[in-house]
Amino acid sequence: MQHLTAEESADWGPGHLLDELVGRLPDSFTLKAQFAGPEDPTADPTQAWPADRPELDAGRLEVREPVADQEFWDRAVFDPTRLADGLELSDDPVLAYRKRAYAEGHRRRTAGPELSTLE
């Protein structure tokens, strides 16, 4: 993981992350689900569960190229708390924070240059 200062990213345009992603394509990811035991903490994402917990390969995502309708997706806000029927969020408080953080990031990306930098 790389941490950047505001100065290091000051000249990034609104499409910087998409441009970087395109440079890494194609790529693929395997989604794994690990099952908690009855004593495993779910409200603290810094606490690792024991390695012997069962895991399931839930699927593989392959990203080959950017979508043709990127402008549509640029207007969308990613919300990790929107779930399909039958799924529930855990009691992990980070999820509630991410919802607000992603909404704020979207607001800054779409608000124009005066609001796009961290305040």
PDB file of N, CA and C in Angstrom:
ATOM      1  N   MET A   1       0.842  -1.161   0.000  1.00  0.00           N
ATOM      2  CA  MET A   1       0.000   0.000   0.000  1.00  0.00           C
ATOM      3  C   MET A   1       0.893   1.231   0.000  1.00  0.00           C
ATOM      4  N   GLN A   2       0.505   2.212  -0.775  1.00  0.00           N
ATOM      5  CA  GLN A   2       1.270   3.443  -0.880  1.00  0.00           C
ATOM      6  C   GLN A   2       0.451   4.593  -0.317  1.00  0.00           C
ATOM      7  N   HIS A   3       1.047   5.384   0.547  1.00  0.00           N
ATOM      8  CA  HIS A   3       0.386   6.553   1.121  1.00  0.00           C
ATOM      9  C   HIS A   3       0.968   7.792   0.472  1.00  0.00           C
ATOM     10  N   LEU A   4       0.111   8.700   0.055  1.00  0.00           N
ATOM     11  CA  LEU A   4       0.525   9.924  -0.621  1.00  0.00           C
ATOM     12  C   LEU A   4       0.111  11.140   0.178  1.00  0.00           C
ATOM     13  N   THR A   5       0.912  12.177   0.063  1.00  0.00           N
ATOM     14  CA  THR A   5       0.536  13.442   0.667  1.00  0.00           C
ATOM     15  C   THR A   5      -0.350  14.195  -0.323  1.00  0.00           C
ATOM     16  N   ALA A   6      -0.999  15.246   0.155  1.00  0.00           N
ATOM     17  CA  ALA A   6      -1.825  16.077  -0.731  1.00  0.00           C
ATOM     18  C   ALA A   6      -0.973  16.685  -1.831  1.00  0.00           C
ATOM     19  N   GLU A   7       0.260  17.039  -1.518  1.00  0.00           N
ATOM     20  CA  GLU A   7       1.144  17.640  -2.526  1.00  0.00           C
ATOM     21  C   GLU A   7       1.493  16.635  -3.631  1.00  0.00           C
ATOM     22  N   GLU A   8       1.682  15.361  -3.259  1.00  0.00           N
ATOM     23  CA  GLU A   8       2.047  14.344  -4.247  1.00  0.00           C
ATOM     24  C   GLU A   8       0.914  14.050  -5.233  1.00  0.00           C
ATOM     25  N   SER A   9      -0.316  14.295  -4.827  1.00  0.00           N
ATOM     26  CA  SER A   9      -1.447  14.012  -5.702  1.00  0.00           C
ATOM     27  C   SER A   9      -2.130  15.277  -6.208  1.00  0.00           C
ATOM     28  N   ALA A  10      -1.559  16.434  -5.945  1.00  0.00           N
ATOM     29  CA  ALA A  10      -2.200  17.705  -6.284  1.00  0.00           C
ATOM     30  C   ALA A  10      -2.454  17.865  -7.778  1.00  0.00           C
ATOM     31  N   ASP A  11      -1.600  17.304  -8.630  1.00  0.00           N
ATOM     32  CA  ASP A  11      -1.767  17.501 -10.074  1.00  0.00           C
ATOM     33  C   ASP A  11      -2.580  16.387 -10.730  1.00  0.00           C
ATOM     34  N   TRP A  12      -3.152  15.493  -9.958  1.00  0.00           N
ATOM     35  CA  TRP A  12      -3.979  14.438 -10.520  1.00  0.00           C
ATOM     36  C   TRP A  12      -5.279  15.021 -11.043  1.00  0.00           C
ATOM     37  N   GLY A  13      -5.638  14.655 -12.246  1.00  0.00           N
ATOM     38  CA  GLY A  13      -6.920  15.071 -12.807  1.00  0.00           C
ATOM     39  C   GLY A  13      -8.024  14.151 -12.334  1.00  0.00           C
ATOM     40  N   PRO A  14      -9.276  14.466 -12.677  1.00  0.00           N
ATOM     41  CA  PRO A  14     -10.407  13.662 -12.219  1.00  0.00           C
ATOM     42  C   PRO A  14     -10.364  12.215 -12.704  1.00  0.00           C
ATOM     43  N   GLY A  15      -9.720  11.946 -13.824  1.00  0.00           N
ATOM     44  CA  GLY A  15      -9.675  10.585 -14.345  1.00  0.00           C
ATOM     45  C   GLY A  15      -8.415   9.828 -14.005  1.00  0.00           C
ATOM     46  N   HIS A  16      -7.633  10.327 -13.060  1.00  0.00           N
ATOM     47  CA  HIS A  16      -6.337   9.713 -12.753  1.00  0.00           C
ATOM     48  C   HIS A  16      -6.448   8.235 -12.382  1.00  0.00           C
ATOM     49  N   LEU A  17      -7.353   7.906 -11.488  1.00  0.00           N
ATOM     50  CA  LEU A  17      -7.449   6.522 -11.030  1.00  0.00           C
ATOM     51  C   LEU A  17      -7.907   5.588 -12.140  1.00  0.00           C
ATOM     52  N   LEU A  18      -8.827   6.044 -12.982  1.00  0.00           N
ATOM     53  CA  LEU A  18      -9.254   5.228 -14.113  1.00  0.00           C
ATOM     54  C   LEU A  18      -8.091   5.018 -15.074  1.00  0.00           C
ATOM     55  N   ASP A  19      -7.331   6.070 -15.350  1.00  0.00           N
ATOM     56  CA  ASP A  19      -6.170   5.939 -16.236  1.00  0.00           C
ATOM     57  C   ASP A  19      -5.170   4.932 -15.682  1.00  0.00           C
ATOM     58  N   GLU A  20      -4.952   4.980 -14.366  1.00  0.00           N
ATOM     59  CA  GLU A  20      -4.027   4.038 -13.743  1.00  0.00           C
ATOM     60  C   GLU A  20      -4.551   2.607 -13.846  1.00  0.00           C
ATOM     61  N   LEU A  21      -5.839   2.437 -13.616  1.00  0.00           N
ATOM     62  CA  LEU A  21      -6.446   1.108 -13.708  1.00  0.00           C
ATOM     63  C   LEU A  21      -6.305   0.542 -15.111  1.00  0.00           C
ATOM     64  N   VAL A  22      -6.594   1.347 -16.116  1.00  0.00           N
ATOM     65  CA  VAL A  22      -6.507   0.883 -17.503  1.00  0.00           C
ATOM     66  C   VAL A  22      -5.096   0.385 -17.796  1.00  0.00           C
ATOM     67  N   GLY A  23      -4.099   1.052 -17.224  1.00  0.00           N
ATOM     68  CA  GLY A  23      -2.718   0.625 -17.424  1.00  0.00           C
ATOM     69  C   GLY A  23      -2.395  -0.718 -16.802  1.00  0.00           C
ATOM     70  N   ARG A  24      -3.239  -1.198 -15.907  1.00  0.00           N
ATOM     71  CA  ARG A  24      -3.008  -2.488 -15.242  1.00  0.00           C
ATOM     72  C   ARG A  24      -3.823  -3.632 -15.855  1.00  0.00           C
ATOM     73  N   LEU A  25      -4.694  -3.307 -16.799  1.00  0.00           N
ATOM     74  CA  LEU A  25      -5.580  -4.321 -17.370  1.00  0.00           C
ATOM     75  C   LEU A  25      -4.880  -5.140 -18.438  1.00  0.00           C
ATOM     76  N   PRO A  26      -5.312  -6.366 -18.634  1.00  0.00           N
ATOM     77  CA  PRO A  26      -6.356  -7.082 -17.894  1.00  0.00           C
ATOM     78  C   PRO A  26      -5.835  -7.565 -16.546  1.00  0.00           C
ATOM     79  N   ASP A  27      -6.764  -7.786 -15.626  1.00  0.00           N
ATOM     80  CA  ASP A  27      -6.437  -8.290 -14.305  1.00  0.00           C
ATOM     81  C   ASP A  27      -7.635  -9.082 -13.795  1.00  0.00           C
ATOM     82  N   SER A  28      -7.395  -9.914 -12.807  1.00  0.00           N
ATOM     83  CA  SER A  28      -8.490 -10.695 -12.246  1.00  0.00           C
ATOM     84  C   SER A  28      -8.333 -10.787 -10.736  1.00  0.00           C
ATOM     85  N   PHE A  29      -9.464 -11.053 -10.084  1.00  0.00           N
ATOM     86  CA  PHE A  29      -9.522 -11.126  -8.638  1.00  0.00           C
ATOM     87  C   PHE A  29     -10.390 -12.306  -8.244  1.00  0.00           C
ATOM     88  N   THR A  30     -10.009 -12.991  -7.185  1.00  0.00           N
ATOM     89  CA  THR A  30     -10.831 -14.059  -6.632  1.00  0.00           C
ATOM     90  C   THR A  30     -11.443 -13.555  -5.329  1.00  0.00           C
ATOM     91  N   LEU A  31     -12.762 -13.628  -5.231  1.00  0.00           N
ATOM     92  CA  LEU A  31     -13.461 -13.236  -4.020  1.00  0.00           C
ATOM     93  C   LEU A  31     -13.528 -14.449  -3.102  1.00  0.00           C
ATOM     94  N   LYS A  32     -12.999 -14.289  -1.905  1.00  0.00           N
ATOM     95  CA  LYS A  32     -13.018 -15.366  -0.922  1.00  0.00           C
ATOM     96  C   LYS A  32     -13.849 -14.933   0.269  1.00  0.00           C
ATOM     97  N   ALA A  33     -14.630 -15.828   0.784  1.00  0.00           N
ATOM     98  CA  ALA A  33     -15.412 -15.578   1.994  1.00  0.00           C
ATOM     99  C   ALA A  33     -14.882 -16.496   3.087  1.00  0.00           C
ATOM    100  N   GLN A  34     -14.628 -15.924   4.256  1.00  0.00           N
ATOM    101  CA  GLN A  34     -14.192 -16.713   5.399  1.00  0.00           C
ATOM    102  C   GLN A  34     -15.335 -16.724   6.405  1.00  0.00           C
ATOM    103  N   PHE A  35     -15.610 -17.879   6.963  1.00  0.00           N
ATOM    104  CA  PHE A  35     -16.722 -18.034   7.892  1.00  0.00           C
ATOM    105  C   PHE A  35     -16.237 -17.841   9.321  1.00  0.00           C
ATOM    106  N   ALA A  36     -16.915 -16.962  10.037  1.00  0.00           N
ATOM    107  CA  ALA A  36     -16.561 -16.682  11.428  1.00  0.00           C
ATOM    108  C   ALA A  36     -17.019 -17.810  12.335  1.00  0.00           C
ATOM    109  N   GLY A  37     -16.272 -17.997  13.389  1.00  0.00           N
ATOM    110  CA  GLY A  37     -16.689 -18.896  14.450  1.00  0.00           C
ATOM    111  C   GLY A  37     -17.519 -18.117  15.460  1.00  0.00           C
ATOM    112  N   PRO A  38     -18.155 -18.803  16.399  1.00  0.00           N
ATOM    113  CA  PRO A  38     -19.043 -18.129  17.355  1.00  0.00           C
ATOM    114  C   PRO A  38     -18.337 -17.084  18.220  1.00  0.00           C
ATOM    115  N   GLU A  39     -17.060 -17.210  18.437  1.00  0.00           N
ATOM    116  CA  GLU A  39     -16.318 -16.275  19.292  1.00  0.00           C
ATOM    117  C   GLU A  39     -15.569 -15.209  18.489  1.00  0.00           C
ATOM    118  N   ASP A  40     -15.609 -15.277  17.174  1.00  0.00           N
ATOM    119  CA  ASP A  40     -14.828 -14.354  16.350  1.00  0.00           C
ATOM    120  C   ASP A  40     -15.458 -12.964  16.339  1.00  0.00           C
ATOM    121  N   PRO A  41     -14.627 -11.931  16.528  1.00  0.00           N
ATOM    122  CA  PRO A  41     -15.169 -10.561  16.532  1.00  0.00           C
ATOM    123  C   PRO A  41     -15.565 -10.116  15.132  1.00  0.00           C
ATOM    124  N   THR A  42     -16.714  -9.474  15.041  1.00  0.00           N
ATOM    125  CA  THR A  42     -17.156  -8.938  13.747  1.00  0.00           C
ATOM    126  C   THR A  42     -17.224  -7.416  13.759  1.00  0.00           C
ATOM    127  N   ALA A  43     -17.090  -6.788  14.927  1.00  0.00           N
ATOM    128  CA  ALA A  43     -17.191  -5.336  15.023  1.00  0.00           C
ATOM    129  C   ALA A  43     -15.831  -4.652  14.953  1.00  0.00           C
ATOM    130  N   ASP A  44     -14.746  -5.415  14.847  1.00  0.00           N
ATOM    131  CA  ASP A  44     -13.409  -4.830  14.827  1.00  0.00           C
ATOM    132  C   ASP A  44     -12.605  -5.434  13.679  1.00  0.00           C
ATOM    133  N   PRO A  45     -12.502  -4.721  12.548  1.00  0.00           N
ATOM    134  CA  PRO A  45     -11.808  -5.288  11.392  1.00  0.00           C
ATOM    135  C   PRO A  45     -10.305  -5.439  11.577  1.00  0.00           C
ATOM    136  N   THR A  46      -9.753  -4.935  12.683  1.00  0.00           N
ATOM    137  CA  THR A  46      -8.311  -5.094  12.922  1.00  0.00           C
ATOM    138  C   THR A  46      -7.996  -6.429  13.575  1.00  0.00           C
ATOM    139  N   GLN A  47      -9.023  -7.144  14.022  1.00  0.00           N
ATOM    140  CA  GLN A  47      -8.816  -8.431  14.683  1.00  0.00           C
ATOM    141  C   GLN A  47      -8.974  -9.565  13.677  1.00  0.00           C
ATOM    142  N   ALA A  48      -7.865 -10.218  13.377  1.00  0.00           N
ATOM    143  CA  ALA A  48      -7.904 -11.335  12.422  1.00  0.00           C
ATOM    144  C   ALA A  48      -8.552 -12.554  13.066  1.00  0.00           C
ATOM    145  N   TRP A  49      -9.293 -13.275  12.258  1.00  0.00           N
ATOM    146  CA  TRP A  49      -9.858 -14.537  12.728  1.00  0.00           C
ATOM    147  C   TRP A  49      -8.798 -15.618  12.578  1.00  0.00           C
ATOM    148  N   PRO A  50      -8.926 -16.694  13.333  1.00  0.00           N
ATOM    149  CA  PRO A  50      -7.946 -17.782  13.219  1.00  0.00           C
ATOM    150  C   PRO A  50      -7.878 -18.334  11.792  1.00  0.00           C
ATOM    151  N   ALA A  51      -6.694 -18.731  11.389  1.00  0.00           N
ATOM    152  CA  ALA A  51      -6.461 -19.210  10.023  1.00  0.00           C
ATOM    153  C   ALA A  51      -7.210 -20.500   9.719  1.00  0.00           C
ATOM    154  N   ASP A  52      -7.655 -21.223  10.736  1.00  0.00           N
ATOM    155  CA  ASP A  52      -8.323 -22.502  10.476  1.00  0.00           C
ATOM    156  C   ASP A  52      -9.812 -22.356  10.167  1.00  0.00           C
ATOM    157  N   ARG A  53     -10.317 -21.121  10.086  1.00  0.00           N
ATOM    158  CA  ARG A  53     -11.716 -20.928   9.735  1.00  0.00           C
ATOM    159  C   ARG A  53     -11.939 -21.314   8.276  1.00  0.00           C
ATOM    160  N   PRO A  54     -13.063 -21.964   7.985  1.00  0.00           N
ATOM    161  CA  PRO A  54     -13.319 -22.379   6.601  1.00  0.00           C
ATOM    162  C   PRO A  54     -13.446 -21.171   5.665  1.00  0.00           C
ATOM    163  N   GLU A  55     -12.962 -21.367   4.449  1.00  0.00           N
ATOM    164  CA  GLU A  55     -13.065 -20.342   3.405  1.00  0.00           C
ATOM    165  C   GLU A  55     -13.771 -20.924   2.198  1.00  0.00           C
ATOM    166  N   LEU A  56     -14.380 -20.022   1.437  1.00  0.00           N
ATOM    167  CA  LEU A  56     -15.095 -20.405   0.228  1.00  0.00           C
ATOM    168  C   LEU A  56     -14.659 -19.475  -0.894  1.00  0.00           C
ATOM    169  N   ASP A  57     -14.297 -20.037  -2.030  1.00  0.00           N
ATOM    170  CA  ASP A  57     -14.076 -19.211  -3.217  1.00  0.00           C
ATOM    171  C   ASP A  57     -15.454 -18.862  -3.771  1.00  0.00           C
ATOM    172  N   ALA A  58     -15.830 -17.581  -3.652  1.00  0.00           N
ATOM    173  CA  ALA A  58     -17.174 -17.159  -4.027  1.00  0.00           C
ATOM    174  C   ALA A  58     -17.280 -16.738  -5.485  1.00  0.00           C
ATOM    175  N   GLY A  59     -16.172 -16.566  -6.142  1.00  0.00           N
ATOM    176  CA  GLY A  59     -16.227 -16.178  -7.544  1.00  0.00           C
ATOM    177  C   GLY A  59     -14.939 -15.526  -7.993  1.00  0.00           C
ATOM    178  N   ARG A  60     -14.860 -15.303  -9.280  1.00  0.00           N
ATOM    179  CA  ARG A  60     -13.679 -14.676  -9.874  1.00  0.00           C
ATOM    180  C   ARG A  60     -14.158 -13.536 -10.763  1.00  0.00           C
ATOM    181  N   LEU A  61     -13.516 -12.400 -10.612  1.00  0.00           N
ATOM    182  CA  LEU A  61     -13.835 -11.228 -11.412  1.00  0.00           C
ATOM    183  C   LEU A  61     -12.649 -10.953 -12.325  1.00  0.00           C
ATOM    184  N   GLU A  62     -12.924 -10.888 -13.602  1.00  0.00           N
ATOM    185  CA  GLU A  62     -11.877 -10.555 -14.564  1.00  0.00           C
ATOM    186  C   GLU A  62     -12.245  -9.224 -15.216  1.00  0.00           C
ATOM    187  N   VAL A  63     -11.333  -8.272 -15.112  1.00  0.00           N
ATOM    188  CA  VAL A  63     -11.534  -6.949 -15.708  1.00  0.00           C
ATOM    189  C   VAL A  63     -10.610  -6.875 -16.911  1.00  0.00           C
ATOM    190  N   ARG A  64     -11.201  -6.781 -18.078  1.00  0.00           N
ATOM    191  CA  ARG A  64     -10.422  -6.800 -19.314  1.00  0.00           C
ATOM    192  C   ARG A  64     -10.180  -5.423 -19.894  1.00  0.00           C
ATOM    193  N   GLU A  65     -11.209  -4.547 -19.797  1.00  0.00           N
ATOM    194  CA  GLU A  65     -11.121  -3.227 -20.420  1.00  0.00           C
ATOM    195  C   GLU A  65     -12.108  -2.295 -19.743  1.00  0.00           C
ATOM    196  N   PRO A  66     -11.937  -0.999 -19.922  1.00  0.00           N
ATOM    197  CA  PRO A  66     -12.901  -0.065 -19.335  1.00  0.00           C
ATOM    198  C   PRO A  66     -14.274  -0.237 -19.962  1.00  0.00           C
ATOM    199  N   VAL A  67     -15.281   0.162 -19.221  1.00  0.00           N
ATOM    200  CA  VAL A  67     -16.640   0.099 -19.752  1.00  0.00           C
ATOM    201  C   VAL A  67     -16.835   1.178 -20.803  1.00  0.00           C
ATOM    202  N   ALA A  68     -17.741   0.944 -21.733  1.00  0.00           N
ATOM    203  CA  ALA A  68     -18.006   1.912 -22.794  1.00  0.00           C
ATOM    204  C   ALA A  68     -18.796   3.114 -22.276  1.00  0.00           C
ATOM    205  N   ASP A  69     -19.524   2.928 -21.176  1.00  0.00           N
ATOM    206  CA  ASP A  69     -20.367   4.002 -20.646  1.00  0.00           C
ATOM    207  C   ASP A  69     -19.785   4.586 -19.350  1.00  0.00           C
ATOM    208  N   GLN A  70     -18.488   4.895 -19.367  1.00  0.00           N
ATOM    209  CA  GLN A  70     -17.815   5.388 -18.164  1.00  0.00           C
ATOM    210  C   GLN A  70     -18.455   6.657 -17.612  1.00  0.00           C
ATOM    211  N   GLU A  71     -18.954   7.530 -18.487  1.00  0.00           N
ATOM    212  CA  GLU A  71     -19.573   8.766 -18.010  1.00  0.00           C
ATOM    213  C   GLU A  71     -20.763   8.470 -17.094  1.00  0.00           C
ATOM    214  N   PHE A  72     -21.537   7.433 -17.423  1.00  0.00           N
ATOM    215  CA  PHE A  72     -22.653   7.029 -16.564  1.00  0.00           C
ATOM    216  C   PHE A  72     -22.142   6.618 -15.190  1.00  0.00           C
ATOM    217  N   TRP A  73     -21.113   5.782 -15.148  1.00  0.00           N
ATOM    218  CA  TRP A  73     -20.603   5.283 -13.879  1.00  0.00           C
ATOM    219  C   TRP A  73     -19.879   6.365 -13.090  1.00  0.00           C
ATOM    220  N   ASP A  74     -19.337   7.367 -13.762  1.00  0.00           N
ATOM    221  CA  ASP A  74     -18.718   8.486 -13.053  1.00  0.00           C
ATOM    222  C   ASP A  74     -19.734   9.245 -12.212  1.00  0.00           C
ATOM    223  N   ARG A  75     -20.996   9.214 -12.615  1.00  0.00           N
ATOM    224  CA  ARG A  75     -22.054   9.905 -11.869  1.00  0.00           C
ATOM    225  C   ARG A  75     -22.579   9.066 -10.705  1.00  0.00           C
ATOM    226  N   ALA A  76     -22.244   7.805 -10.663  1.00  0.00           N
ATOM    227  CA  ALA A  76     -22.758   6.913  -9.625  1.00  0.00           C
ATOM    228  C   ALA A  76     -21.881   6.981  -8.371  1.00  0.00           C
ATOM    229  N   VAL A  77     -22.491   6.739  -7.236  1.00  0.00           N
ATOM    230  CA  VAL A  77     -21.769   6.671  -5.972  1.00  0.00           C
ATOM    231  C   VAL A  77     -21.722   5.206  -5.547  1.00  0.00           C
ATOM    232  N   PHE A  78     -20.516   4.682  -5.332  1.00  0.00           N
ATOM    233  CA  PHE A  78     -20.381   3.327  -4.818  1.00  0.00           C
ATOM    234  C   PHE A  78     -20.817   3.319  -3.361  1.00  0.00           C
ATOM    235  N   ASP A  79     -21.699   2.419  -3.012  1.00  0.00           N
ATOM    236  CA  ASP A  79     -22.192   2.319  -1.641  1.00  0.00           C
ATOM    237  C   ASP A  79     -22.058   0.872  -1.179  1.00  0.00           C
ATOM    238  N   PRO A  80     -21.044   0.577  -0.349  1.00  0.00           N
ATOM    239  CA  PRO A  80     -20.824  -0.810   0.075  1.00  0.00           C
ATOM    240  C   PRO A  80     -21.890  -1.332   1.021  1.00  0.00           C
ATOM    241  N   THR A  81     -22.811  -0.471   1.434  1.00  0.00           N
ATOM    242  CA  THR A  81     -23.861  -0.933   2.340  1.00  0.00           C
ATOM    243  C   THR A  81     -25.144  -1.315   1.612  1.00  0.00           C
ATOM    244  N   ARG A  82     -25.183  -1.131   0.298  1.00  0.00           N
ATOM    245  CA  ARG A  82     -26.341  -1.603  -0.482  1.00  0.00           C
ATOM    246  C   ARG A  82     -26.147  -3.089  -0.750  1.00  0.00           C
ATOM    247  N   LEU A  83     -27.053  -3.880  -0.270  1.00  0.00           N
ATOM    248  CA  LEU A  83     -26.911  -5.336  -0.366  1.00  0.00           C
ATOM    249  C   LEU A  83     -28.122  -5.959  -1.039  1.00  0.00           C
ATOM    250  N   ALA A  84     -27.903  -7.107  -1.610  1.00  0.00           N
ATOM    251  CA  ALA A  84     -28.997  -7.874  -2.198  1.00  0.00           C
ATOM    252  C   ALA A  84     -29.902  -8.402  -1.080  1.00  0.00           C
ATOM    253  N   ASP A  85     -31.146  -8.641  -1.417  1.00  0.00           N
ATOM    254  CA  ASP A  85     -32.079  -9.210  -0.455  1.00  0.00           C
ATOM    255  C   ASP A  85     -31.502 -10.492   0.126  1.00  0.00           C
ATOM    256  N   GLY A  86     -31.643 -10.641   1.437  1.00  0.00           N
ATOM    257  CA  GLY A  86     -31.153 -11.834   2.112  1.00  0.00           C
ATOM    258  C   GLY A  86     -29.775 -11.662   2.712  1.00  0.00           C
ATOM    259  N   LEU A  87     -29.067 -10.579   2.391  1.00  0.00           N
ATOM    260  CA  LEU A  87     -27.762 -10.302   2.975  1.00  0.00           C
ATOM    261  C   LEU A  87     -27.898  -9.181   3.989  1.00  0.00           C
ATOM    262  N   GLU A  88     -27.064  -9.234   5.022  1.00  0.00           N
ATOM    263  CA  GLU A  88     -27.090  -8.205   6.058  1.00  0.00           C
ATOM    264  C   GLU A  88     -25.670  -7.738   6.328  1.00  0.00           C
ATOM    265  N   LEU A  89     -25.553  -6.470   6.734  1.00  0.00           N
ATOM    266  CA  LEU A  89     -24.259  -5.951   7.145  1.00  0.00           C
ATOM    267  C   LEU A  89     -23.887  -6.520   8.505  1.00  0.00           C
ATOM    268  N   SER A  90     -22.604  -6.663   8.721  1.00  0.00           N
ATOM    269  CA  SER A  90     -22.142  -7.041  10.054  1.00  0.00           C
ATOM    270  C   SER A  90     -22.203  -5.816  10.951  1.00  0.00           C
ATOM    271  N   ASP A  91     -21.783  -5.966  12.185  1.00  0.00           N
ATOM    272  CA  ASP A  91     -21.759  -4.840  13.109  1.00  0.00           C
ATOM    273  C   ASP A  91     -20.456  -4.056  13.028  1.00  0.00           C
ATOM    274  N   ASP A  92     -19.701  -4.249  11.962  1.00  0.00           N
ATOM    275  CA  ASP A  92     -18.439  -3.550  11.750  1.00  0.00           C
ATOM    276  C   ASP A  92     -18.721  -2.067  11.480  1.00  0.00           C
ATOM    277  N   PRO A  93     -18.302  -1.152  12.352  1.00  0.00           N
ATOM    278  CA  PRO A  93     -18.605   0.267  12.165  1.00  0.00           C
ATOM    279  C   PRO A  93     -17.896   0.880  10.961  1.00  0.00           C
ATOM    280  N   VAL A  94     -16.881   0.237  10.448  1.00  0.00           N
ATOM    281  CA  VAL A  94     -16.166   0.756   9.277  1.00  0.00           C
ATOM    282  C   VAL A  94     -17.104   0.837   8.076  1.00  0.00           C
ATOM    283  N   LEU A  95     -18.063  -0.063   7.984  1.00  0.00           N
ATOM    284  CA  LEU A  95     -18.985  -0.046   6.850  1.00  0.00           C
ATOM    285  C   LEU A  95     -19.785   1.251   6.799  1.00  0.00           C
ATOM    286  N   ALA A  96     -20.259   1.705   7.934  1.00  0.00           N
ATOM    287  CA  ALA A  96     -21.013   2.965   7.965  1.00  0.00           C
ATOM    288  C   ALA A  96     -20.108   4.128   7.573  1.00  0.00           C
ATOM    289  N   TYR A  97     -18.876   4.102   7.999  1.00  0.00           N
ATOM    290  CA  TYR A  97     -17.930   5.154   7.634  1.00  0.00           C
ATOM    291  C   TYR A  97     -17.672   5.151   6.129  1.00  0.00           C
ATOM    292  N   ARG A  98     -17.489   3.970   5.550  1.00  0.00           N
ATOM    293  CA  ARG A  98     -17.206   3.895   4.113  1.00  0.00           C
ATOM    294  C   ARG A  98     -18.328   4.492   3.285  1.00  0.00           C
ATOM    295  N   LYS A  99     -19.562   4.250   3.681  1.00  0.00           N
ATOM    296  CA  LYS A  99     -20.693   4.816   2.940  1.00  0.00           C
ATOM    297  C   LYS A  99     -20.550   6.329   2.850  1.00  0.00           C
ATOM    298  N   ARG A 100     -20.261   6.977   3.972  1.00  0.00           N
ATOM    299  CA  ARG A 100     -20.107   8.441   3.986  1.00  0.00           C
ATOM    300  C   ARG A 100     -18.839   8.879   3.262  1.00  0.00           C
ATOM    301  N   ALA A 101     -17.754   8.132   3.435  1.00  0.00           N
ATOM    302  CA  ALA A 101     -16.482   8.506   2.803  1.00  0.00           C
ATOM    303  C   ALA A 101     -16.583   8.420   1.287  1.00  0.00           C
ATOM    304  N   TYR A 102     -17.207   7.372   0.756  1.00  0.00           N
ATOM    305  CA  TYR A 102     -17.341   7.244  -0.697  1.00  0.00           C
ATOM    306  C   TYR A 102     -18.258   8.319  -1.256  1.00  0.00           C
ATOM    307  N   ALA A 103     -19.310   8.660  -0.511  1.00  0.00           N
ATOM    308  CA  ALA A 103     -20.201   9.731  -0.960  1.00  0.00           C
ATOM    309  C   ALA A 103     -19.456  11.061  -0.994  1.00  0.00           C
ATOM    310  N   GLU A 104     -18.629  11.315   0.010  1.00  0.00           N
ATOM    311  CA  GLU A 104     -17.844  12.555   0.037  1.00  0.00           C
ATOM    312  C   GLU A 104     -16.813  12.573  -1.088  1.00  0.00           C
ATOM    313  N   GLY A 105     -16.167  11.454  -1.345  1.00  0.00           N
ATOM    314  CA  GLY A 105     -15.217  11.387  -2.455  1.00  0.00           C
ATOM    315  C   GLY A 105     -15.894  11.683  -3.781  1.00  0.00           C
ATOM    316  N   HIS A 106     -17.078  11.148  -3.967  1.00  0.00           N
ATOM    317  CA  HIS A 106     -17.834  11.407  -5.191  1.00  0.00           C
ATOM    318  C   HIS A 106     -18.193  12.880  -5.295  1.00  0.00           C
ATOM    319  N   ARG A 107     -18.632  13.454  -4.189  1.00  0.00           N
ATOM    320  CA  ARG A 107     -18.985  14.877  -4.185  1.00  0.00           C
ATOM    321  C   ARG A 107     -17.784  15.725  -4.592  1.00  0.00           C
ATOM    322  N   ARG A 108     -16.626  15.402  -4.065  1.00  0.00           N
ATOM    323  CA  ARG A 108     -15.431  16.182  -4.382  1.00  0.00           C
ATOM    324  C   ARG A 108     -14.989  15.986  -5.826  1.00  0.00           C
ATOM    325  N   ARG A 109     -15.115  14.770  -6.330  1.00  0.00           N
ATOM    326  CA  ARG A 109     -14.706  14.521  -7.726  1.00  0.00           C
ATOM    327  C   ARG A 109     -15.595  15.245  -8.715  1.00  0.00           C
ATOM    328  N   THR A 110     -16.868  15.401  -8.374  1.00  0.00           N
ATOM    329  CA  THR A 110     -17.816  15.977  -9.320  1.00  0.00           C
ATOM    330  C   THR A 110     -18.114  17.447  -9.067  1.00  0.00           C
ATOM    331  N   ALA A 111     -17.554  18.025  -7.999  1.00  0.00           N
ATOM    332  CA  ALA A 111     -17.883  19.396  -7.619  1.00  0.00           C
ATOM    333  C   ALA A 111     -17.033  20.433  -8.334  1.00  0.00           C
ATOM    334  N   GLY A 112     -15.976  20.026  -8.970  1.00  0.00           N
ATOM    335  CA  GLY A 112     -15.106  21.009  -9.624  1.00  0.00           C
ATOM    336  C   GLY A 112     -13.807  21.159  -8.854  1.00  0.00           C
ATOM    337  N   PRO A 113     -12.838  21.843  -9.456  1.00  0.00           N
ATOM    338  CA  PRO A 113     -11.506  21.909  -8.882  1.00  0.00           C
ATOM    339  C   PRO A 113     -11.437  22.576  -7.512  1.00  0.00           C
ATOM    340  N   GLU A 114     -12.336  23.491  -7.209  1.00  0.00           N
ATOM    341  CA  GLU A 114     -12.266  24.195  -5.932  1.00  0.00           C
ATOM    342  C   GLU A 114     -12.568  23.283  -4.745  1.00  0.00           C
ATOM    343  N   LEU A 115     -13.302  22.182  -4.963  1.00  0.00           N
ATOM    344  CA  LEU A 115     -13.628  21.273  -3.864  1.00  0.00           C
ATOM    345  C   LEU A 115     -12.957  19.906  -3.993  1.00  0.00           C
ATOM    346  N   SER A 116     -12.148  19.716  -5.006  1.00  0.00           N
ATOM    347  CA  SER A 116     -11.629  18.382  -5.255  1.00  0.00           C
ATOM    348  C   SER A 116     -10.428  18.029  -4.380  1.00  0.00           C
ATOM    349  N   THR A 117      -9.827  18.982  -3.712  1.00  0.00           N
ATOM    350  CA  THR A 117      -8.695  18.686  -2.841  1.00  0.00           C
ATOM    351  C   THR A 117      -9.181  18.495  -1.420  1.00  0.00           C
ATOM    352  N   LEU A 118      -8.391  17.816  -0.638  1.00  0.00           N
ATOM    353  CA  LEU A 118      -8.771  17.581   0.753  1.00  0.00           C
ATOM    354  C   LEU A 118      -8.772  18.888   1.517  1.00  0.00           C
ATOM    355  N   GLU A 119      -9.754  19.061   2.349  1.00  0.00           N
ATOM    356  CA  GLU A 119      -9.876  20.299   3.123  1.00  0.00           C
ATOM    357  C   GLU A 119      -9.219  20.129   4.469  1.00  0.00           C
TER     358      GLU A 119
END
